[in-house]
């Protein structure tokens, strides 16, 4: 059962919600009473003794699947999300037992007497609805949609069938998003605009699919519709904030992140993002913008007026060279911001060893690079590779919880960025790692899948070295084509293990073992 106020997942029989303190009313199971015996046939009964009320209550459960999924998603019970790396059940068809929340049960029980007195539904509609219920519960959403569409031809004005159809479209679309099939998800959410257009979660899904396809202009309208229909859906606000940040409309982006924080005041990630946007806004008045075919570069007009030309030329070179290496050229513009050293630290709050960053924008502290053009070129290539990887994999950047997003290990990000930057020192790196490999003292790649930001300078140096070494090994042994195929497999929301199998015909453990062995054998 669920608390109707905060949607906490509660044990059956709980008398008070431990999360929000709301008293819980006793609820009887949402069962269907048998039809009253009568000597004369009733229009409210379907053939073979199937009561219309039974179908309506079942249909009510089907309609509530979306509500149940949202309840599961917003409850405290998302341990599985944290342990598997996958989001909580956004689109999933919740089991019938999970839908007997107080509100769901009340809805079903309220529908029952009304159904008994209402004019009987078409026999054919009842048949199609019952079959749709079974298909939905077994996650055969396409079949459920087809059956409900058939039922609707017999009862075109029936609101319950329409809501059930919306729930089926919603579940299918989110399932396609989870599988990385964004084009299919867009088609699903747009297949019946009259039905899906009135469903907030479907509109969030449609907007998110457009975002992942880098169709930002098409994403805005459904996301605005989503917050109108579901004012408490924090994900839609965060996506709108992300879109406006990409467009460098920082004030509008901050507005949407502020609304998201109002809904989730305890979310430290949203708070940090909002604070960074506010710091950026304070500096934006000093900045000048230069736009090329592939890049938008912002820089302090007083400090970096001469340097920005070098930056633009270098980035255009990177666009061509990295594109040829990976056979991939991003369609969308890449945003670049040049800071003074103090501005960079004030805005990013990154550790002192961080020379630049990519968080949807390439951020570079430009101080001192006028006399070090080779270092600047290396940094720009490095960060541009991060932008390309994000474009290939469609990895979500905004730290938005409960949205399906490809999981790309950071060692792959950093290793490929170093490999493709100019002046890579892989030979020296492998020599440094050899004694560690012999002693089996290297950091496991599984530890290097997440952020390096919590590492000290020495640990970060080793993490970057290992990342470069393993990517260099993969390119030498399998070729850059296979490395790109690894990225593409990850973009389809495959885990690291199946992506390794697809790209390299190796398990993740075997990849690590063979790489470490190569370090030792190469120097014997």
Protein backbone atom coordinates (compact mmCIF):
# COMPACT_ATOMS: atom_id res chain seq x y z
CA UNK A 1 0.00 0.00 0.00
CA UNK A 2 1.04 3.61 -0.52
CA UNK A 3 0.52 6.81 1.43
CA UNK A 4 -1.79 9.03 -0.66
CA UNK A 5 -0.02 12.16 0.60
CA UNK A 6 3.72 11.41 0.13
CA UNK A 7 3.51 8.11 -1.79
CA UNK A 8 5.75 6.27 0.64
CA UNK A 9 5.62 2.49 0.15
CA UNK A 10 4.01 1.04 3.30
CA UNK A 11 3.32 -2.39 4.67
CA UNK A 12 -0.28 -3.54 4.46
CA UNK A 13 -2.13 -2.65 7.65
CA UNK A 14 0.04 0.38 8.51
CA UNK A 15 -2.01 2.83 10.55
CA UNK A 16 0.20 5.92 10.21
CA UNK A 17 2.72 6.87 7.52
CA UNK A 18 6.21 6.99 9.12
CA UNK A 19 7.41 9.48 6.49
CA UNK A 20 4.78 12.24 6.64
CA UNK A 21 2.72 11.18 9.68
CA UNK A 22 -0.60 10.95 7.85
CA UNK A 23 -3.10 8.58 9.52
CA UNK A 24 -3.99 5.73 7.21
CA UNK A 25 -7.60 4.73 6.77
CA UNK A 26 -8.39 1.03 6.85
CA UNK A 27 -8.87 -0.16 3.30
CA UNK A 28 -10.61 -3.30 2.21
CA UNK A 29 -9.13 -5.18 -0.74
CA UNK A 30 -10.11 -3.93 -4.17
CA UNK A 31 -11.97 -7.07 -4.99
CA UNK A 32 -15.07 -7.31 -7.14
CA UNK A 33 -18.30 -8.54 -5.65
CA UNK A 34 -20.11 -11.27 -7.60
CA UNK A 35 -23.12 -10.08 -9.56
CA UNK A 36 -26.38 -10.13 -7.70
CA UNK A 37 -28.57 -13.04 -8.73
CA UNK A 38 -31.58 -12.05 -10.74
CA UNK A 39 -34.26 -13.97 -12.48
CA UNK A 40 -34.18 -11.57 -15.42
CA UNK A 41 -31.18 -10.63 -17.55
CA UNK A 42 -29.53 -7.32 -16.77
CA UNK A 43 -27.83 -5.03 -19.25
CA UNK A 44 -25.02 -4.47 -16.77
CA UNK A 45 -23.91 -8.08 -17.05
CA UNK A 46 -21.73 -9.29 -19.88
CA UNK A 47 -22.02 -12.66 -21.60
CA UNK A 48 -20.80 -15.81 -19.86
CA UNK A 49 -21.57 -14.18 -16.52
CA UNK A 50 -18.77 -11.58 -16.78
CA UNK A 51 -20.05 -8.52 -14.93
CA UNK A 52 -19.37 -5.14 -16.45
CA UNK A 53 -18.30 -3.94 -13.00
CA UNK A 54 -15.47 -6.47 -12.96
CA UNK A 55 -14.14 -5.13 -16.24
CA UNK A 56 -14.46 -1.55 -15.07
CA UNK A 57 -12.61 -2.21 -11.83
CA UNK A 58 -9.90 -4.06 -13.72
CA UNK A 59 -9.76 -1.24 -16.21
CA UNK A 60 -9.44 1.19 -13.33
CA UNK A 61 -6.43 -0.79 -12.15
CA UNK A 62 -4.97 -0.64 -15.64
CA UNK A 63 -5.45 3.12 -15.80
CA UNK A 64 -3.76 3.46 -12.42
CA UNK A 65 -0.65 1.62 -13.59
CA UNK A 66 0.90 4.94 -14.52
CA UNK A 67 0.00 6.36 -11.12
CA UNK A 68 1.38 3.26 -9.44
CA UNK A 69 4.60 3.54 -11.41
CA UNK A 70 4.96 7.15 -10.40
CA UNK A 71 4.28 6.22 -6.81
CA UNK A 72 6.99 3.58 -6.91
CA UNK A 73 9.31 6.08 -8.53
CA UNK A 74 8.71 8.80 -5.97
CA UNK A 75 8.68 6.59 -2.89
CA UNK A 76 11.64 5.94 -0.68
CA UNK A 77 11.80 2.42 -1.99
CA UNK A 78 14.28 2.85 -4.82
CA UNK A 79 17.06 0.73 -3.44
CA UNK A 80 17.09 -1.26 -6.65
CA UNK A 81 17.82 1.93 -8.58
CA UNK A 82 20.87 2.64 -6.48
CA UNK A 83 22.20 -0.91 -6.49
CA UNK A 84 21.85 -1.57 -10.21
CA UNK A 85 22.57 1.87 -11.59
CA UNK A 86 19.19 1.85 -13.30
CA UNK A 87 16.43 4.33 -12.51
CA UNK A 88 13.40 3.39 -10.48
CA UNK A 89 10.30 2.16 -12.28
CA UNK A 90 9.21 5.14 -14.31
CA UNK A 91 7.42 3.42 -17.12
CA UNK A 92 7.00 -0.04 -15.69
CA UNK A 93 3.67 -1.79 -15.49
CA UNK A 94 3.31 -2.18 -11.77
CA UNK A 95 1.85 -5.50 -10.57
CA UNK A 96 -1.79 -5.43 -9.59
CA UNK A 97 -0.93 -5.92 -5.91
CA UNK A 98 1.25 -2.80 -5.99
CA UNK A 99 -1.66 -0.72 -7.21
CA UNK A 100 -3.97 -1.35 -4.28
CA UNK A 101 -2.93 1.90 -2.62
CA UNK A 102 -5.59 3.71 -0.59
CA UNK A 103 -6.33 6.03 -3.49
CA UNK A 104 -6.34 3.23 -6.07
CA UNK A 105 -8.57 1.04 -3.95
CA UNK A 106 -10.90 3.91 -3.23
CA UNK A 107 -11.15 4.70 -6.92
CA UNK A 108 -11.86 1.11 -7.82
CA UNK A 109 -14.46 0.68 -5.10
CA UNK A 110 -16.12 3.97 -6.01
CA UNK A 111 -16.36 2.86 -9.63
CA UNK A 112 -18.05 -0.42 -8.81
CA UNK A 113 -21.56 0.72 -7.80
CA UNK A 114 -21.59 3.33 -10.56
CA UNK A 115 -20.76 0.64 -13.08
CA UNK A 116 -23.52 -1.59 -11.84
CA UNK A 117 -26.11 1.06 -12.49
CA UNK A 118 -24.60 2.39 -15.72
CA UNK A 119 -25.82 1.19 -19.11
CA UNK A 120 -23.95 -1.94 -20.18
CA UNK A 121 -20.92 -1.69 -22.38
CA UNK A 122 -20.66 -3.39 -25.71
CA UNK A 123 -19.91 -7.08 -25.44
CA UNK A 124 -17.04 -6.65 -27.88
CA UNK A 125 -15.56 -3.74 -25.92
CA UNK A 126 -15.60 -5.79 -22.73
CA UNK A 127 -13.84 -8.66 -24.49
CA UNK A 128 -11.09 -6.41 -25.85
CA UNK A 129 -10.58 -4.66 -22.50
CA UNK A 130 -10.19 -7.94 -20.60
CA UNK A 131 -7.62 -9.16 -23.08
CA UNK A 132 -5.81 -5.80 -22.89
CA UNK A 133 -5.55 -6.14 -19.11
CA UNK A 134 -3.79 -9.46 -19.48
CA UNK A 135 -1.42 -8.12 -22.12
CA UNK A 136 -0.55 -5.08 -20.02
CA UNK A 137 0.18 -7.12 -16.90
CA UNK A 138 2.63 -9.20 -18.99
CA UNK A 139 4.25 -6.03 -20.35
CA UNK A 140 2.98 -6.60 -23.89
CA UNK A 141 2.20 -2.93 -24.32
CA UNK A 142 1.88 -2.96 -28.10
CA UNK A 143 -0.75 -5.67 -27.83
CA UNK A 144 -2.58 -3.80 -25.06
CA UNK A 145 -2.66 -0.66 -27.24
CA UNK A 146 -4.07 -2.59 -30.19
CA UNK A 147 -6.76 -4.23 -28.05
CA UNK A 148 -7.75 -1.00 -26.32
CA UNK A 149 -7.88 0.79 -29.67
CA UNK A 150 -10.29 -1.91 -30.85
CA UNK A 151 -12.38 -1.49 -27.70
CA UNK A 152 -12.48 2.23 -28.35
CA UNK A 153 -14.06 1.72 -31.77
CA UNK A 154 -17.08 0.26 -29.95
CA UNK A 155 -17.04 2.79 -27.07
CA UNK A 156 -15.36 5.91 -28.53
CA UNK A 157 -16.50 8.22 -25.73
CA UNK A 158 -15.54 5.92 -22.83
CA UNK A 159 -13.14 7.89 -20.56
CA UNK A 160 -11.83 4.77 -18.80
CA UNK A 161 -10.74 3.15 -22.06
CA UNK A 162 -9.08 6.41 -23.07
CA UNK A 163 -7.15 6.63 -19.78
CA UNK A 164 -6.12 2.98 -20.06
CA UNK A 165 -4.89 3.64 -23.58
CA UNK A 166 -2.87 6.64 -22.34
CA UNK A 167 -1.29 4.44 -19.64
CA UNK A 168 -0.33 1.85 -22.26
CA UNK A 169 1.24 4.44 -24.56
CA UNK A 170 3.08 5.89 -21.58
CA UNK A 171 4.47 2.53 -20.48
CA UNK A 172 5.54 1.55 -24.00
CA UNK A 173 7.23 4.91 -24.60
CA UNK A 174 9.21 4.83 -21.36
CA UNK A 175 10.22 1.23 -22.04
CA UNK A 176 11.60 2.33 -25.41
CA UNK A 177 13.48 5.18 -23.73
CA UNK A 178 14.97 2.72 -21.25
CA UNK A 179 16.25 0.69 -24.21
CA UNK A 180 17.75 3.78 -25.87
CA UNK A 181 15.19 3.68 -28.70
CA UNK A 182 14.43 7.38 -28.63
CA UNK A 183 13.05 7.65 -32.17
CA UNK A 184 10.58 4.86 -31.39
CA UNK A 185 9.61 6.58 -28.14
CA UNK A 186 8.85 9.84 -29.97
CA UNK A 187 6.68 7.93 -32.45
CA UNK A 188 4.84 6.17 -29.60
CA UNK A 189 4.12 9.34 -27.64
CA UNK A 190 2.94 11.09 -30.80
CA UNK A 191 0.89 8.20 -32.20
CA UNK A 192 -2.35 9.42 -30.64
CA UNK A 193 -1.90 13.08 -29.61
CA UNK A 194 -5.45 13.34 -28.30
CA UNK A 195 -4.73 10.56 -25.77
CA UNK A 196 -1.05 11.15 -24.91
CA UNK A 197 -1.31 14.94 -25.11
CA UNK A 198 -3.37 14.96 -21.93
CA UNK A 199 -0.96 12.74 -19.98
CA UNK A 200 1.79 14.57 -18.11
CA UNK A 201 4.19 11.64 -17.83
CA UNK A 202 3.87 10.94 -21.54
CA UNK A 203 4.69 14.57 -22.29
CA UNK A 204 7.76 14.36 -20.04
CA UNK A 205 8.81 11.22 -21.92
CA UNK A 206 8.28 12.89 -25.29
CA UNK A 207 10.34 15.91 -24.22
CA UNK A 208 13.12 13.72 -22.83
CA UNK A 209 13.28 11.62 -26.00
CA UNK A 210 13.65 14.82 -28.04
CA UNK A 211 16.38 16.01 -25.65
CA UNK A 212 18.30 12.77 -26.09
CA UNK A 213 17.99 13.12 -29.86
CA UNK A 214 19.38 16.66 -29.52
CA UNK A 215 16.10 18.02 -30.89
CA UNK A 216 15.99 20.81 -28.36
CA UNK A 217 13.45 22.98 -30.16
CA UNK A 218 10.95 20.10 -30.33
CA UNK A 219 11.51 19.24 -26.66
CA UNK A 220 10.36 22.52 -25.12
CA UNK A 221 6.63 22.39 -25.93
CA UNK A 222 5.91 18.90 -24.49
CA UNK A 223 7.96 19.66 -21.37
CA UNK A 224 6.02 22.87 -20.76
CA UNK A 225 2.83 20.87 -21.26
CA UNK A 226 4.15 18.28 -18.79
CA UNK A 227 4.65 20.81 -15.97
CA UNK A 228 1.17 22.15 -16.69
CA UNK A 229 -0.37 18.68 -16.36
CA UNK A 230 1.95 17.40 -13.60
CA UNK A 231 3.19 20.42 -11.60
CA UNK A 232 5.07 18.13 -9.22
CA UNK A 233 7.17 16.36 -11.87
CA UNK A 234 10.63 17.64 -10.97
CA UNK A 235 12.20 15.92 -13.98
CA UNK A 236 10.35 18.11 -16.46
CA UNK A 237 11.56 21.27 -14.71
CA UNK A 238 15.14 19.98 -14.67
CA UNK A 239 15.02 19.14 -18.37
CA UNK A 240 13.69 22.61 -19.16
CA UNK A 241 16.49 24.09 -17.08
CA UNK A 242 19.03 21.95 -18.94
CA UNK A 243 17.69 23.06 -22.32
CA UNK A 244 17.85 26.74 -21.44
CA UNK A 245 21.35 26.34 -20.01
CA UNK A 246 22.44 24.82 -23.34
CA UNK A 247 21.04 27.91 -25.05
CA UNK A 248 22.96 30.13 -22.61
CA UNK A 249 19.67 31.55 -21.34
CA UNK A 250 20.94 31.37 -17.78
CA UNK A 251 18.18 33.40 -16.12
CA UNK A 252 15.45 31.15 -17.55
CA UNK A 253 17.48 28.05 -16.72
CA UNK A 254 17.88 29.23 -13.13
CA UNK A 255 14.13 29.81 -12.92
CA UNK A 256 13.36 26.20 -13.85
CA UNK A 257 16.02 24.82 -11.49
CA UNK A 258 14.57 26.98 -8.71
CA UNK A 259 11.13 25.46 -9.32
CA UNK A 260 12.67 22.00 -9.22
CA UNK A 261 14.39 22.83 -5.92
CA UNK A 262 11.09 24.05 -4.49
CA UNK A 263 9.63 20.61 -5.20
CA UNK A 264 12.74 18.77 -3.90
CA UNK A 265 14.29 21.12 -1.34
CA UNK A 266 16.63 18.47 0.03
CA UNK A 267 18.24 17.60 -3.31
CA UNK A 268 21.90 18.66 -3.03
CA UNK A 269 22.57 18.13 -6.76
CA UNK A 270 19.79 20.52 -7.81
CA UNK A 271 20.90 23.06 -5.23
CA UNK A 272 24.52 22.95 -6.43
CA UNK A 273 23.45 23.29 -10.05
CA UNK A 274 21.27 26.30 -9.24
CA UNK A 275 24.08 27.95 -7.28
CA UNK A 276 26.50 27.45 -10.19
CA UNK A 277 24.00 29.01 -12.59
CA UNK A 278 23.63 31.98 -10.28
CA UNK A 279 27.41 32.41 -10.11
CA UNK A 280 27.56 32.20 -13.91
CA UNK A 281 24.88 34.86 -14.23
CA UNK A 282 26.98 37.22 -12.13
CA UNK A 283 29.86 36.89 -14.61
CA UNK A 284 27.85 36.75 -17.83
CA UNK A 285 27.63 40.52 -18.21
CA UNK A 286 31.41 40.67 -18.72
CA UNK A 287 31.43 38.06 -21.47
CA UNK A 288 31.51 38.44 -25.25
CA UNK A 289 30.25 35.70 -27.57
CA UNK A 290 31.77 34.49 -30.84
CA UNK A 291 29.91 31.93 -32.96
CA UNK A 292 31.33 29.61 -35.61
CA UNK A 293 29.74 26.77 -37.55
CA UNK A 294 30.46 24.21 -34.83
CA UNK A 295 31.19 26.20 -31.66
CA UNK A 296 29.91 29.05 -29.53
CA UNK A 297 32.75 30.61 -27.54
CA UNK A 298 32.18 32.98 -24.63
CA UNK A 299 35.06 34.91 -23.12
CA UNK A 300 35.84 37.86 -20.91
CA UNK A 301 36.10 40.77 -23.31
CA UNK A 302 38.78 42.44 -21.21
CA UNK A 303 40.96 39.42 -20.47
CA UNK A 304 40.75 37.03 -23.44
CA UNK A 305 40.14 39.17 -26.52
CA UNK A 306 43.27 37.95 -28.30
CA UNK A 307 43.26 34.36 -27.07
CA UNK A 308 39.77 33.48 -28.28
CA UNK A 309 40.87 33.45 -31.94
CA UNK A 310 43.46 30.79 -31.13
CA UNK A 311 40.83 28.82 -29.24
CA UNK A 312 38.38 28.87 -32.16
CA UNK A 313 41.04 27.79 -34.66
CA UNK A 314 42.18 24.95 -32.38
CA UNK A 315 38.65 23.71 -31.79
CA UNK A 316 37.90 23.63 -35.50
CA UNK A 317 41.04 21.53 -35.98
CA UNK A 318 39.86 19.21 -33.23
CA UNK A 319 36.47 18.91 -34.90
CA UNK A 320 38.13 17.54 -38.02
CA UNK A 321 40.82 15.35 -36.44
CA UNK A 322 38.68 13.78 -33.72
CA UNK A 323 35.85 13.36 -36.21
CA UNK A 324 38.10 11.40 -38.56
CA UNK A 325 39.42 9.21 -35.74
CA UNK A 326 35.94 8.29 -34.48
CA UNK A 327 34.04 8.69 -37.76
CA UNK A 328 31.66 10.99 -35.94
CA UNK A 329 30.89 14.69 -36.26
CA UNK A 330 28.40 16.21 -33.79
CA UNK A 331 25.45 18.01 -35.36
CA UNK A 332 24.84 20.39 -32.46
CA UNK A 333 27.04 23.34 -31.55
CA UNK A 334 29.44 22.88 -28.64
CA UNK A 335 29.52 25.68 -26.07
CA UNK A 336 32.92 26.83 -24.79
CA UNK A 337 33.58 29.31 -21.98
CA UNK A 338 37.01 30.88 -21.34
CA UNK A 339 37.60 32.11 -17.81
CA UNK A 340 40.31 33.80 -15.86
CA UNK A 341 41.76 31.47 -13.24
CA UNK A 342 39.68 33.02 -10.47
CA UNK A 343 36.47 32.90 -12.50
CA UNK A 344 37.03 29.21 -13.27
CA UNK A 345 37.46 28.29 -9.61
CA UNK A 346 34.60 30.50 -8.46
CA UNK A 347 32.10 29.03 -10.94
CA UNK A 348 33.10 25.36 -11.22
CA UNK A 349 34.34 24.78 -7.62
CA UNK A 350 36.55 22.01 -9.01
CA UNK A 351 39.68 20.74 -7.20
CA UNK A 352 42.89 22.60 -7.82
CA UNK A 353 44.37 19.86 -10.02
CA UNK A 354 41.52 20.17 -12.56
CA UNK A 355 42.85 21.98 -15.64
CA UNK A 356 39.48 22.27 -17.42
CA UNK A 357 36.07 20.61 -17.40
CA UNK A 358 33.16 19.51 -19.57
CA UNK A 359 29.66 19.48 -18.07
CA UNK A 360 27.69 20.20 -21.22
CA UNK A 361 29.99 23.15 -21.86
CA UNK A 362 33.76 23.14 -22.24
CA UNK A 363 35.09 25.34 -19.44
CA UNK A 364 38.73 26.42 -19.63
CA UNK A 365 40.78 28.68 -17.34
CA UNK A 366 42.76 30.58 -19.94
CA UNK A 367 45.27 32.35 -17.72
CA UNK A 368 48.90 31.76 -18.78
CA UNK A 369 48.07 29.91 -21.99
CA UNK A 370 49.16 32.80 -24.21
CA UNK A 371 52.74 31.59 -23.60
CA UNK A 372 51.78 27.87 -23.70
CA UNK A 373 49.87 27.27 -26.93
CA UNK A 374 50.71 23.54 -26.98
CA UNK A 375 49.24 23.06 -23.51
CA UNK A 376 46.12 24.97 -24.49
CA UNK A 377 45.73 22.82 -27.62
CA UNK A 378 46.04 19.64 -25.58
CA UNK A 379 43.38 20.78 -23.12
CA UNK A 380 40.94 21.87 -25.84
CA UNK A 381 41.29 18.57 -27.71
CA UNK A 382 40.81 16.67 -24.45
CA UNK A 383 37.62 18.46 -23.48
CA UNK A 384 36.26 18.35 -27.01
CA UNK A 385 36.59 14.55 -27.00
CA UNK A 386 34.39 14.51 -23.88
CA UNK A 387 31.78 16.50 -25.80
CA UNK A 388 31.94 14.01 -28.68
CA UNK A 389 31.56 11.02 -26.34
CA UNK A 390 28.49 12.60 -24.78
CA UNK A 391 27.07 13.21 -28.24
CA UNK A 392 27.68 9.59 -29.33
CA UNK A 393 26.27 8.02 -26.18
CA UNK A 394 23.56 10.61 -25.38
CA UNK A 395 24.58 10.41 -21.75
CA UNK A 396 22.46 12.63 -19.51
CA UNK A 397 24.55 15.46 -18.06
CA UNK A 398 22.26 17.26 -15.67
CA UNK A 399 22.39 14.77 -12.81
CA UNK A 400 18.63 14.26 -13.19
CA UNK A 401 17.52 11.36 -11.07
CA UNK A 402 15.06 8.74 -12.26
CA UNK A 403 15.69 9.30 -15.96
CA UNK A 404 17.09 6.42 -18.00
CA UNK A 405 20.51 7.41 -19.27
CA UNK A 406 23.46 5.50 -20.75
CA UNK A 407 26.15 4.70 -18.21
CA UNK A 408 29.62 5.43 -19.62
CA UNK A 409 32.55 4.56 -17.32
CA UNK A 410 34.75 7.54 -16.58
CA UNK A 411 37.92 5.57 -17.34
CA UNK A 412 36.65 5.27 -20.93
CA UNK A 413 35.85 8.98 -21.07
CA UNK A 414 39.20 10.09 -19.71
CA UNK A 415 41.23 7.43 -21.47
CA UNK A 416 39.83 8.24 -24.91
CA UNK A 417 40.16 11.99 -24.28
CA UNK A 418 43.85 11.54 -23.44
CA UNK A 419 44.45 9.15 -26.32
CA UNK A 420 43.05 11.61 -28.88
CA UNK A 421 44.56 14.76 -27.42
CA UNK A 422 47.76 15.98 -29.02
CA UNK A 423 51.06 14.83 -27.52
CA UNK A 424 49.76 11.74 -25.71
CA UNK A 425 52.46 10.17 -23.48
CA UNK A 426 51.18 6.64 -23.46
CA UNK A 427 54.61 4.95 -23.60
CA UNK A 428 55.77 6.70 -20.43
CA UNK A 429 52.46 5.94 -18.77
CA UNK A 430 52.70 2.20 -19.44
CA UNK A 431 56.24 2.18 -18.09
CA UNK A 432 55.02 3.85 -14.92
CA UNK A 433 52.23 1.31 -14.51
CA UNK A 434 54.35 -1.81 -15.13
CA UNK A 435 55.61 -2.29 -11.53
CA UNK A 436 52.10 -1.72 -10.20
CA UNK A 437 50.76 -4.36 -12.58
CA UNK A 438 53.46 -6.79 -11.45
CA UNK A 439 52.49 -6.25 -7.81
CA UNK A 440 48.79 -6.34 -8.69
CA UNK A 441 48.51 -2.93 -7.03
CA UNK A 442 46.57 -1.10 -9.72
CA UNK A 443 43.20 0.53 -9.13
CA UNK A 444 40.43 -1.78 -10.44
CA UNK A 445 38.58 -0.34 -13.42
CA UNK A 446 35.32 -0.83 -11.54
CA UNK A 447 36.53 1.81 -9.07
CA UNK A 448 37.33 4.17 -11.95
CA UNK A 449 33.84 4.05 -13.44
CA UNK A 450 32.62 6.99 -11.36
CA UNK A 451 33.85 10.51 -10.71
CA UNK A 452 37.53 11.24 -10.01
CA UNK A 453 36.66 14.43 -8.15
CA UNK A 454 37.01 12.86 -4.71
CA UNK A 455 40.62 11.82 -5.39
CA UNK A 456 43.69 13.69 -4.26
CA UNK A 457 46.28 14.79 -6.82
CA UNK A 458 48.37 11.58 -6.65
CA UNK A 459 45.34 9.31 -6.87
CA UNK A 460 43.91 11.33 -9.74
CA UNK A 461 47.21 11.08 -11.61
CA UNK A 462 47.14 7.28 -11.31
CA UNK A 463 43.49 7.15 -12.34
CA UNK A 464 44.19 9.15 -15.50
CA UNK A 465 47.25 7.02 -16.26
CA UNK A 466 45.32 3.78 -16.03
CA UNK A 467 42.51 5.23 -18.15
CA UNK A 468 44.91 6.17 -20.95
CA UNK A 469 46.69 2.82 -20.77
CA UNK A 470 43.58 0.64 -21.02
CA UNK A 471 42.11 2.66 -23.90
CA UNK A 472 45.45 2.52 -25.72
CA UNK A 473 45.48 -1.25 -25.23
CA UNK A 474 41.94 -1.55 -26.63
CA UNK A 475 42.81 0.52 -29.69
CA UNK A 476 46.02 -1.49 -30.31
CA UNK A 477 44.35 -4.86 -29.84
CA UNK A 478 40.91 -4.25 -31.35
CA UNK A 479 41.07 -0.99 -33.30
CA UNK A 480 39.33 2.37 -32.86
CA UNK A 481 36.30 1.02 -34.72
CA UNK A 482 35.67 -1.45 -31.89
CA UNK A 483 36.13 1.25 -29.25
CA UNK A 484 33.49 3.33 -30.99
CA UNK A 485 31.27 0.26 -31.16
CA UNK A 486 31.70 -0.03 -27.39
CA UNK A 487 30.40 3.54 -27.03
CA UNK A 488 27.47 2.80 -29.32
CA UNK A 489 26.56 -0.31 -27.32
CA UNK A 490 26.59 1.79 -24.13
CA UNK A 491 24.38 4.37 -25.86
CA UNK A 492 21.69 1.69 -26.18
CA UNK A 493 21.62 1.46 -22.36
CA UNK A 494 23.58 -1.76 -22.32
CA UNK A 495 25.61 -2.34 -19.19
CA UNK A 496 29.40 -2.43 -19.35
CA UNK A 497 29.49 -6.23 -19.35
CA UNK A 498 27.22 -6.83 -22.38
CA UNK A 499 28.79 -3.84 -24.18
CA UNK A 500 32.24 -5.41 -23.72
CA UNK A 501 30.96 -8.68 -25.08
CA UNK A 502 29.43 -6.99 -28.13
CA UNK A 503 32.39 -4.76 -28.96
CA UNK A 504 35.39 -6.91 -28.00
CA UNK A 505 34.00 -10.45 -27.53
CA UNK A 506 35.44 -10.29 -24.01
CA UNK A 507 33.95 -10.19 -20.55
CA UNK A 508 34.71 -7.10 -18.47
CA UNK A 509 36.94 -9.16 -16.14
CA UNK A 510 38.79 -10.70 -19.09
CA UNK A 511 39.38 -7.24 -20.56
CA UNK A 512 41.01 -6.05 -17.34
CA UNK A 513 43.08 -9.20 -16.96
CA UNK A 514 44.40 -9.15 -20.52
CA UNK A 515 45.25 -5.44 -20.31
CA UNK A 516 47.22 -5.85 -17.06
CA UNK A 517 48.99 -8.91 -18.43
CA UNK A 518 50.02 -6.93 -21.51
CA UNK A 519 51.70 -4.33 -19.30
CA UNK A 520 53.85 -6.99 -17.68
CA UNK A 521 54.56 -9.05 -20.80
CA UNK A 522 55.49 -6.04 -22.90
CA UNK A 523 58.49 -5.31 -20.68
CA UNK A 524 59.78 -8.83 -20.00
